[in-house]
């Protein structure tokens, strides 16, 4: 679990903010007794849509620990993008660095989970693939950058260099 990041500075405590740059997905999670084999249909018994993406999940975890947190990511201007943005904001994540791609589809994944918690997924990057690192102005309060390698490699490198 992430812990709130606090440093001691002359005159008292200073909180270091976290910038997470990573993916956002609106996931479809299906529960099934087993995984299908090639050319087979397996029957599922429960399905639900969940906010996901490693970037979004990590930003929420950081904010829930009390650490001021931004998320730099990209969603489409679709319903899934609105759901993800609202979920992050309700969770205390600053979404001012969230890019919204006009006419783009928000990233998603389709995951199959069995009774043991094993899973397999197909990821559809969607708007995540169009993330523009050059549009991100690092907030001066940001003391930590968290990357997951789910955005384009050149974007991760550009943010790390900055």
N, C-alpha and C. Protein backbone atom coordinates (compact mmCIF):
# COMPACT_ATOMS: atom_id res chain seq x y z
N UNK A 1 0.83 -1.17 0.00
CA UNK A 1 0.00 0.00 0.00
C UNK A 1 0.89 1.24 0.00
N UNK A 2 0.46 2.28 -0.71
CA UNK A 2 1.19 3.53 -0.71
C UNK A 2 0.97 4.26 0.61
N UNK A 3 1.97 4.91 1.09
CA UNK A 3 1.84 5.72 2.30
C UNK A 3 1.93 7.18 1.91
N UNK A 4 1.32 8.03 2.70
CA UNK A 4 1.42 9.46 2.44
C UNK A 4 2.89 9.87 2.49
N UNK A 5 3.31 10.67 1.54
CA UNK A 5 4.72 11.06 1.44
C UNK A 5 4.90 12.43 2.07
N UNK A 6 5.64 12.48 3.13
CA UNK A 6 5.86 13.73 3.84
C UNK A 6 7.34 13.88 4.14
N UNK A 7 7.86 15.05 3.91
CA UNK A 7 9.26 15.34 4.19
C UNK A 7 9.33 16.45 5.23
N UNK A 8 10.42 16.46 5.99
CA UNK A 8 10.62 17.52 6.97
C UNK A 8 11.44 18.62 6.31
N UNK A 9 10.94 19.82 6.41
CA UNK A 9 11.62 20.98 5.85
C UNK A 9 11.75 22.00 6.98
N UNK A 10 12.67 22.94 6.84
CA UNK A 10 12.81 23.97 7.87
C UNK A 10 11.45 24.58 8.17
N UNK A 11 11.13 24.64 9.44
CA UNK A 11 9.88 25.26 9.85
C UNK A 11 8.70 24.30 9.89
N UNK A 12 8.88 23.03 9.57
CA UNK A 12 7.76 22.10 9.68
C UNK A 12 7.73 21.06 8.60
N UNK A 13 6.58 20.42 8.48
CA UNK A 13 6.41 19.34 7.51
C UNK A 13 6.01 19.90 6.15
N UNK A 14 6.48 19.24 5.11
CA UNK A 14 6.13 19.64 3.75
C UNK A 14 5.67 18.38 3.02
N UNK A 15 4.48 18.42 2.51
CA UNK A 15 3.96 17.27 1.77
C UNK A 15 4.46 17.31 0.33
N UNK A 16 4.97 16.20 -0.16
CA UNK A 16 5.40 16.10 -1.55
C UNK A 16 4.26 15.48 -2.35
N UNK A 17 3.88 16.12 -3.43
CA UNK A 17 2.79 15.68 -4.26
C UNK A 17 3.28 14.62 -5.25
N UNK A 18 2.35 13.81 -5.71
CA UNK A 18 2.65 12.73 -6.65
C UNK A 18 1.99 13.03 -7.99
N UNK A 19 2.76 12.87 -9.06
CA UNK A 19 2.21 12.92 -10.41
C UNK A 19 2.29 11.51 -10.97
N UNK A 20 1.12 10.97 -11.27
CA UNK A 20 1.03 9.66 -11.91
C UNK A 20 0.77 9.93 -13.39
N UNK A 21 1.54 9.33 -14.25
CA UNK A 21 1.31 9.41 -15.70
C UNK A 21 1.10 8.00 -16.18
N UNK A 22 -0.12 7.69 -16.55
CA UNK A 22 -0.41 6.31 -16.93
C UNK A 22 -1.77 6.15 -17.56
N UNK A 23 -2.13 4.92 -17.77
CA UNK A 23 -3.32 4.58 -18.53
C UNK A 23 -4.60 4.66 -17.70
N UNK A 24 -5.67 4.88 -18.43
CA UNK A 24 -7.03 4.79 -17.90
C UNK A 24 -7.81 3.85 -18.80
N UNK A 25 -8.51 2.92 -18.19
CA UNK A 25 -9.36 1.98 -18.94
C UNK A 25 -10.71 1.88 -18.27
N UNK A 26 -11.73 1.69 -19.07
CA UNK A 26 -13.05 1.34 -18.54
C UNK A 26 -13.20 -0.14 -18.85
N UNK A 27 -12.99 -0.96 -17.83
CA UNK A 27 -12.86 -2.41 -18.02
C UNK A 27 -14.18 -3.15 -17.95
N UNK A 28 -14.25 -4.22 -18.71
CA UNK A 28 -15.33 -5.20 -18.59
C UNK A 28 -14.69 -6.44 -17.98
N UNK A 29 -15.12 -6.79 -16.78
CA UNK A 29 -14.58 -7.96 -16.08
C UNK A 29 -15.65 -9.04 -16.08
N UNK A 30 -15.29 -10.20 -16.61
CA UNK A 30 -16.21 -11.33 -16.72
C UNK A 30 -15.70 -12.47 -15.85
N UNK A 31 -16.57 -13.03 -15.04
CA UNK A 31 -16.20 -14.19 -14.22
C UNK A 31 -16.68 -15.45 -14.93
N UNK A 32 -15.80 -16.43 -15.00
CA UNK A 32 -16.10 -17.70 -15.66
C UNK A 32 -15.41 -18.82 -14.90
N UNK A 33 -15.95 -20.02 -15.01
CA UNK A 33 -15.35 -21.16 -14.32
C UNK A 33 -14.01 -21.55 -14.91
N UNK A 34 -13.83 -21.27 -16.20
CA UNK A 34 -12.57 -21.60 -16.86
C UNK A 34 -12.37 -20.68 -18.04
N UNK A 35 -11.13 -20.65 -18.52
CA UNK A 35 -10.80 -19.84 -19.67
C UNK A 35 -11.14 -20.61 -20.94
N UNK A 36 -11.59 -19.93 -21.97
CA UNK A 36 -11.85 -20.63 -23.22
C UNK A 36 -10.54 -21.04 -23.89
N UNK A 37 -10.60 -22.12 -24.62
CA UNK A 37 -9.47 -22.52 -25.46
C UNK A 37 -9.73 -21.96 -26.85
N UNK A 38 -8.77 -22.05 -27.73
CA UNK A 38 -8.91 -21.50 -29.07
C UNK A 38 -10.16 -22.06 -29.75
N UNK A 39 -10.91 -21.17 -30.38
CA UNK A 39 -12.14 -21.49 -31.12
C UNK A 39 -13.28 -22.01 -30.24
N UNK A 40 -13.26 -21.68 -28.96
CA UNK A 40 -14.32 -22.15 -28.06
C UNK A 40 -14.99 -20.96 -27.38
N UNK A 41 -16.26 -21.11 -27.09
CA UNK A 41 -16.99 -20.15 -26.28
C UNK A 41 -17.11 -20.73 -24.88
N UNK A 42 -16.73 -19.96 -23.89
CA UNK A 42 -16.91 -20.37 -22.49
C UNK A 42 -18.05 -19.53 -21.92
N UNK A 43 -18.82 -20.10 -21.05
CA UNK A 43 -19.96 -19.38 -20.47
C UNK A 43 -19.51 -18.65 -19.21
N UNK A 44 -19.83 -17.36 -19.16
CA UNK A 44 -19.54 -16.56 -17.98
C UNK A 44 -20.76 -16.49 -17.09
N UNK A 45 -20.55 -16.16 -15.82
CA UNK A 45 -21.70 -16.08 -14.92
C UNK A 45 -21.83 -14.75 -14.21
N UNK A 46 -20.95 -13.83 -14.46
CA UNK A 46 -21.08 -12.49 -13.91
C UNK A 46 -20.21 -11.55 -14.73
N UNK A 47 -20.70 -10.35 -14.96
CA UNK A 47 -19.94 -9.35 -15.69
C UNK A 47 -20.24 -7.98 -15.08
N UNK A 48 -19.20 -7.14 -15.05
CA UNK A 48 -19.40 -5.77 -14.58
C UNK A 48 -18.35 -4.86 -15.18
N UNK A 49 -18.73 -3.61 -15.34
CA UNK A 49 -17.80 -2.58 -15.81
C UNK A 49 -17.17 -1.93 -14.60
N UNK A 50 -15.85 -1.72 -14.67
CA UNK A 50 -15.11 -1.12 -13.56
C UNK A 50 -14.10 -0.11 -14.08
N UNK A 51 -13.91 0.99 -13.36
CA UNK A 51 -12.82 1.90 -13.71
C UNK A 51 -11.48 1.18 -13.50
N UNK A 52 -10.56 1.35 -14.42
CA UNK A 52 -9.28 0.67 -14.31
C UNK A 52 -8.18 1.39 -15.06
N UNK A 53 -7.17 0.62 -15.37
CA UNK A 53 -5.93 1.15 -15.93
C UNK A 53 -4.97 1.33 -14.77
N UNK A 54 -3.74 0.89 -14.95
CA UNK A 54 -2.77 0.97 -13.84
C UNK A 54 -2.57 2.40 -13.36
N UNK A 55 -2.54 3.36 -14.27
CA UNK A 55 -2.35 4.75 -13.87
C UNK A 55 -3.49 5.25 -13.00
N UNK A 56 -4.71 5.00 -13.43
CA UNK A 56 -5.87 5.42 -12.65
C UNK A 56 -5.92 4.74 -11.30
N UNK A 57 -5.65 3.45 -11.27
CA UNK A 57 -5.68 2.71 -10.00
C UNK A 57 -4.62 3.23 -9.03
N UNK A 58 -3.42 3.51 -9.53
CA UNK A 58 -2.35 3.99 -8.66
C UNK A 58 -2.61 5.42 -8.18
N UNK A 59 -3.18 6.24 -9.03
CA UNK A 59 -3.50 7.61 -8.62
C UNK A 59 -4.56 7.60 -7.52
N UNK A 60 -5.58 6.76 -7.66
CA UNK A 60 -6.60 6.66 -6.62
C UNK A 60 -6.01 6.15 -5.31
N UNK A 61 -5.13 5.15 -5.38
CA UNK A 61 -4.51 4.62 -4.16
C UNK A 61 -3.69 5.70 -3.46
N UNK A 62 -2.95 6.48 -4.22
CA UNK A 62 -2.13 7.54 -3.66
C UNK A 62 -3.01 8.60 -3.00
N UNK A 63 -4.05 9.04 -3.69
CA UNK A 63 -4.95 10.07 -3.14
C UNK A 63 -5.67 9.56 -1.89
N UNK A 64 -6.06 8.30 -1.89
CA UNK A 64 -6.77 7.75 -0.74
C UNK A 64 -5.88 7.65 0.49
N UNK A 65 -4.57 7.66 0.29
CA UNK A 65 -3.63 7.67 1.41
C UNK A 65 -3.37 9.09 1.92
N UNK A 66 -4.02 10.06 1.30
CA UNK A 66 -3.87 11.43 1.75
C UNK A 66 -2.79 12.22 1.05
N UNK A 67 -2.17 11.66 0.05
CA UNK A 67 -1.12 12.35 -0.70
C UNK A 67 -1.74 13.14 -1.84
N UNK A 68 -1.48 14.44 -1.94
CA UNK A 68 -1.99 15.19 -3.09
C UNK A 68 -1.46 14.55 -4.38
N UNK A 69 -2.38 14.23 -5.30
CA UNK A 69 -2.03 13.43 -6.47
C UNK A 69 -2.69 13.98 -7.73
N UNK A 70 -1.89 14.10 -8.79
CA UNK A 70 -2.41 14.41 -10.12
C UNK A 70 -2.34 13.14 -10.97
N UNK A 71 -3.20 13.07 -11.98
CA UNK A 71 -3.08 12.03 -12.98
C UNK A 71 -2.98 12.68 -14.34
N UNK A 72 -1.90 12.36 -15.07
CA UNK A 72 -1.74 12.76 -16.46
C UNK A 72 -2.06 11.53 -17.30
N UNK A 73 -3.12 11.60 -18.06
CA UNK A 73 -3.56 10.47 -18.87
C UNK A 73 -4.41 11.03 -20.00
N UNK A 74 -5.05 10.14 -20.75
CA UNK A 74 -5.90 10.59 -21.86
C UNK A 74 -7.10 9.66 -21.99
N UNK A 75 -8.26 10.26 -22.14
CA UNK A 75 -9.50 9.53 -22.39
C UNK A 75 -10.16 10.12 -23.62
N UNK A 76 -11.14 9.42 -24.14
CA UNK A 76 -11.94 9.95 -25.23
C UNK A 76 -13.04 10.86 -24.68
N UNK A 77 -13.73 11.51 -25.57
CA UNK A 77 -14.84 12.37 -25.16
C UNK A 77 -16.15 11.58 -25.11
N UNK A 78 -16.06 10.33 -24.74
CA UNK A 78 -17.21 9.44 -24.68
C UNK A 78 -17.69 9.25 -23.24
N UNK A 79 -18.75 8.46 -23.08
CA UNK A 79 -19.32 8.22 -21.75
C UNK A 79 -18.30 7.55 -20.82
N UNK A 80 -17.53 6.61 -21.34
CA UNK A 80 -16.52 5.94 -20.51
C UNK A 80 -15.51 6.94 -19.97
N UNK A 81 -15.09 7.88 -20.79
CA UNK A 81 -14.15 8.92 -20.35
C UNK A 81 -14.73 9.77 -19.24
N UNK A 82 -16.01 10.11 -19.35
CA UNK A 82 -16.66 10.90 -18.30
C UNK A 82 -16.76 10.11 -17.00
N UNK A 83 -17.09 8.83 -17.11
CA UNK A 83 -17.18 7.98 -15.91
C UNK A 83 -15.84 7.92 -15.20
N UNK A 84 -14.75 7.71 -15.96
CA UNK A 84 -13.42 7.61 -15.36
C UNK A 84 -12.98 8.93 -14.73
N UNK A 85 -13.20 10.03 -15.43
CA UNK A 85 -12.83 11.35 -14.90
C UNK A 85 -13.58 11.62 -13.59
N UNK A 86 -14.89 11.38 -13.57
CA UNK A 86 -15.69 11.62 -12.37
C UNK A 86 -15.27 10.72 -11.22
N UNK A 87 -14.94 9.47 -11.51
CA UNK A 87 -14.49 8.53 -10.48
C UNK A 87 -13.20 9.01 -9.83
N UNK A 88 -12.26 9.48 -10.65
CA UNK A 88 -10.99 10.00 -10.13
C UNK A 88 -11.21 11.24 -9.27
N UNK A 89 -12.02 12.16 -9.77
CA UNK A 89 -12.27 13.39 -9.02
C UNK A 89 -12.95 13.08 -7.68
N UNK A 90 -13.92 12.18 -7.67
CA UNK A 90 -14.56 11.78 -6.41
C UNK A 90 -13.57 11.14 -5.46
N UNK A 91 -12.54 10.48 -6.00
CA UNK A 91 -11.52 9.82 -5.19
C UNK A 91 -10.43 10.76 -4.72
N UNK A 92 -10.52 12.04 -5.05
CA UNK A 92 -9.54 13.01 -4.58
C UNK A 92 -8.36 13.25 -5.50
N UNK A 93 -8.40 12.70 -6.71
CA UNK A 93 -7.30 12.88 -7.67
C UNK A 93 -7.53 14.18 -8.45
N UNK A 94 -6.49 14.98 -8.59
CA UNK A 94 -6.56 16.20 -9.39
C UNK A 94 -6.50 15.78 -10.86
N UNK A 95 -7.57 16.06 -11.62
CA UNK A 95 -7.66 15.63 -13.02
C UNK A 95 -7.38 16.78 -13.99
N UNK A 96 -6.75 17.85 -13.52
CA UNK A 96 -6.49 19.00 -14.39
C UNK A 96 -5.50 18.68 -15.51
N UNK A 97 -4.72 17.60 -15.39
CA UNK A 97 -3.77 17.21 -16.43
C UNK A 97 -4.32 16.10 -17.34
N UNK A 98 -5.59 15.77 -17.16
CA UNK A 98 -6.23 14.73 -17.97
C UNK A 98 -6.53 15.30 -19.36
N UNK A 99 -6.06 14.61 -20.38
CA UNK A 99 -6.31 15.02 -21.76
C UNK A 99 -7.57 14.32 -22.27
N UNK A 100 -8.40 15.07 -23.00
CA UNK A 100 -9.63 14.51 -23.55
C UNK A 100 -9.55 14.62 -25.07
N UNK A 101 -9.49 13.47 -25.72
CA UNK A 101 -9.35 13.43 -27.17
C UNK A 101 -10.70 13.47 -27.86
N UNK A 102 -10.93 14.53 -28.63
CA UNK A 102 -12.19 14.67 -29.36
C UNK A 102 -12.34 13.53 -30.38
N UNK A 103 -13.46 12.85 -30.32
CA UNK A 103 -13.73 11.77 -31.25
C UNK A 103 -12.98 10.49 -30.96
N UNK A 104 -12.21 10.45 -29.89
CA UNK A 104 -11.43 9.25 -29.54
C UNK A 104 -12.24 8.36 -28.60
N UNK A 105 -11.89 7.09 -28.61
CA UNK A 105 -12.51 6.12 -27.71
C UNK A 105 -11.63 5.92 -26.50
N UNK A 106 -12.22 5.94 -25.33
CA UNK A 106 -11.48 5.72 -24.10
C UNK A 106 -10.95 4.29 -24.08
N UNK A 107 -9.75 4.10 -23.54
CA UNK A 107 -9.15 2.78 -23.43
C UNK A 107 -10.01 1.84 -22.60
N UNK A 108 -9.84 0.56 -22.86
CA UNK A 108 -10.61 -0.44 -22.11
C UNK A 108 -9.85 -1.75 -22.11
N UNK A 109 -10.35 -2.67 -21.32
CA UNK A 109 -9.85 -4.03 -21.39
C UNK A 109 -11.01 -4.96 -21.09
N UNK A 110 -10.87 -6.15 -21.59
CA UNK A 110 -11.85 -7.20 -21.33
C UNK A 110 -11.08 -8.29 -20.60
N UNK A 111 -11.46 -8.52 -19.36
CA UNK A 111 -10.74 -9.48 -18.52
C UNK A 111 -11.65 -10.64 -18.16
N UNK A 112 -11.11 -11.84 -18.21
CA UNK A 112 -11.81 -13.04 -17.74
C UNK A 112 -11.12 -13.49 -16.47
N UNK A 113 -11.90 -13.68 -15.41
CA UNK A 113 -11.37 -14.06 -14.11
C UNK A 113 -12.00 -15.38 -13.69
N UNK A 114 -11.18 -16.31 -13.20
CA UNK A 114 -11.74 -17.57 -12.72
C UNK A 114 -11.90 -17.54 -11.20
N UNK A 115 -12.39 -18.64 -10.64
CA UNK A 115 -12.67 -18.69 -9.20
C UNK A 115 -11.42 -18.55 -8.33
N UNK A 116 -10.24 -18.77 -8.88
CA UNK A 116 -8.99 -18.66 -8.12
C UNK A 116 -8.37 -17.26 -8.21
N UNK A 117 -9.01 -16.37 -8.98
CA UNK A 117 -8.48 -15.03 -9.16
C UNK A 117 -7.50 -14.91 -10.32
N UNK A 118 -7.25 -16.03 -11.02
CA UNK A 118 -6.40 -15.97 -12.21
C UNK A 118 -7.16 -15.20 -13.28
N UNK A 119 -6.43 -14.48 -14.11
CA UNK A 119 -7.13 -13.74 -15.15
C UNK A 119 -6.30 -13.67 -16.42
N UNK A 120 -6.99 -13.37 -17.48
CA UNK A 120 -6.39 -13.06 -18.77
C UNK A 120 -7.17 -11.87 -19.32
N UNK A 121 -6.50 -11.01 -20.06
CA UNK A 121 -7.18 -9.82 -20.55
C UNK A 121 -6.70 -9.45 -21.94
N UNK A 122 -7.57 -8.77 -22.64
CA UNK A 122 -7.24 -8.13 -23.90
C UNK A 122 -7.37 -6.64 -23.65
N UNK A 123 -6.28 -5.90 -23.90
CA UNK A 123 -6.25 -4.46 -23.65
C UNK A 123 -6.44 -3.72 -24.97
N UNK A 124 -7.32 -2.74 -24.94
CA UNK A 124 -7.56 -1.85 -26.06
C UNK A 124 -7.10 -0.45 -25.62
N UNK A 125 -5.91 0.00 -26.00
CA UNK A 125 -5.36 1.25 -25.48
C UNK A 125 -6.22 2.48 -25.75
N UNK A 126 -6.91 2.52 -26.88
CA UNK A 126 -7.75 3.66 -27.19
C UNK A 126 -6.99 4.97 -27.09
N UNK A 127 -7.60 5.96 -26.42
CA UNK A 127 -7.02 7.31 -26.31
C UNK A 127 -5.66 7.31 -25.63
N UNK A 128 -5.36 6.32 -24.79
CA UNK A 128 -4.05 6.26 -24.13
C UNK A 128 -2.91 6.32 -25.16
N UNK A 129 -3.13 5.72 -26.33
CA UNK A 129 -2.07 5.68 -27.35
C UNK A 129 -1.77 7.06 -27.93
N UNK A 130 -2.67 8.02 -27.71
CA UNK A 130 -2.49 9.37 -28.25
C UNK A 130 -2.06 10.38 -27.19
N UNK A 131 -1.67 9.89 -26.02
CA UNK A 131 -1.24 10.77 -24.94
C UNK A 131 -0.08 11.64 -25.41
N UNK A 132 -0.14 12.94 -25.10
CA UNK A 132 0.89 13.89 -25.54
C UNK A 132 1.65 14.43 -24.33
N UNK A 133 2.85 13.92 -24.11
CA UNK A 133 3.65 14.36 -22.96
C UNK A 133 3.97 15.84 -23.04
N UNK A 134 4.11 16.39 -24.23
CA UNK A 134 4.42 17.80 -24.40
C UNK A 134 3.35 18.73 -23.87
N UNK A 135 2.14 18.22 -23.68
CA UNK A 135 1.04 19.04 -23.14
C UNK A 135 1.04 19.06 -21.61
N UNK A 136 1.89 18.26 -20.98
CA UNK A 136 1.92 18.18 -19.52
C UNK A 136 2.94 19.15 -18.97
N UNK A 137 2.49 20.06 -18.15
CA UNK A 137 3.39 20.96 -17.43
C UNK A 137 3.49 20.43 -16.02
N UNK A 138 4.69 19.97 -15.65
CA UNK A 138 4.87 19.39 -14.32
C UNK A 138 4.58 20.43 -13.26
N UNK A 139 3.66 20.14 -12.36
CA UNK A 139 3.38 21.08 -11.26
C UNK A 139 4.62 21.22 -10.37
N UNK A 140 4.95 22.43 -9.94
CA UNK A 140 6.15 22.62 -9.12
C UNK A 140 6.10 21.86 -7.80
N UNK A 141 4.91 21.56 -7.31
CA UNK A 141 4.79 20.82 -6.04
C UNK A 141 5.06 19.33 -6.20
N UNK A 142 5.10 18.85 -7.43
CA UNK A 142 5.29 17.42 -7.66
C UNK A 142 6.69 17.00 -7.26
N UNK A 143 6.76 16.06 -6.32
CA UNK A 143 8.06 15.57 -5.87
C UNK A 143 8.34 14.16 -6.36
N UNK A 144 7.29 13.51 -6.90
CA UNK A 144 7.43 12.12 -7.34
C UNK A 144 6.67 11.92 -8.64
N UNK A 145 7.26 11.16 -9.56
CA UNK A 145 6.63 10.79 -10.81
C UNK A 145 6.49 9.28 -10.83
N UNK A 146 5.29 8.79 -11.05
CA UNK A 146 5.02 7.36 -11.08
C UNK A 146 4.58 6.97 -12.49
N UNK A 147 5.33 6.06 -13.12
CA UNK A 147 5.05 5.58 -14.48
C UNK A 147 4.79 4.08 -14.45
N UNK A 148 4.02 3.57 -15.40
CA UNK A 148 3.74 2.13 -15.48
C UNK A 148 4.11 1.51 -16.82
N UNK A 149 4.61 2.30 -17.74
CA UNK A 149 4.92 1.82 -19.10
C UNK A 149 3.67 1.39 -19.87
N UNK A 150 2.54 2.04 -19.61
CA UNK A 150 1.34 1.77 -20.39
C UNK A 150 0.99 2.92 -21.33
N UNK A 151 1.73 4.01 -21.24
CA UNK A 151 1.62 5.09 -22.22
C UNK A 151 2.71 4.86 -23.26
N UNK A 152 2.66 5.57 -24.38
CA UNK A 152 3.73 5.40 -25.37
C UNK A 152 5.11 5.63 -24.73
N UNK A 153 6.09 4.82 -25.11
CA UNK A 153 7.43 4.87 -24.52
C UNK A 153 8.04 6.27 -24.60
N UNK A 154 7.86 6.95 -25.73
CA UNK A 154 8.45 8.29 -25.86
C UNK A 154 7.81 9.27 -24.88
N UNK A 155 6.55 9.07 -24.54
CA UNK A 155 5.90 9.93 -23.55
C UNK A 155 6.48 9.69 -22.16
N UNK A 156 6.66 8.44 -21.80
CA UNK A 156 7.27 8.12 -20.51
C UNK A 156 8.67 8.73 -20.39
N UNK A 157 9.47 8.59 -21.45
CA UNK A 157 10.83 9.14 -21.44
C UNK A 157 10.83 10.66 -21.31
N UNK A 158 9.93 11.31 -22.05
CA UNK A 158 9.86 12.77 -22.01
C UNK A 158 9.49 13.26 -20.61
N UNK A 159 8.53 12.62 -19.99
CA UNK A 159 8.14 13.02 -18.64
C UNK A 159 9.25 12.76 -17.63
N UNK A 160 9.92 11.63 -17.75
CA UNK A 160 11.01 11.31 -16.83
C UNK A 160 12.16 12.30 -16.99
N UNK A 161 12.46 12.71 -18.22
CA UNK A 161 13.53 13.68 -18.44
C UNK A 161 13.19 15.03 -17.85
N UNK A 162 11.91 15.43 -17.97
CA UNK A 162 11.51 16.74 -17.46
C UNK A 162 11.54 16.75 -15.94
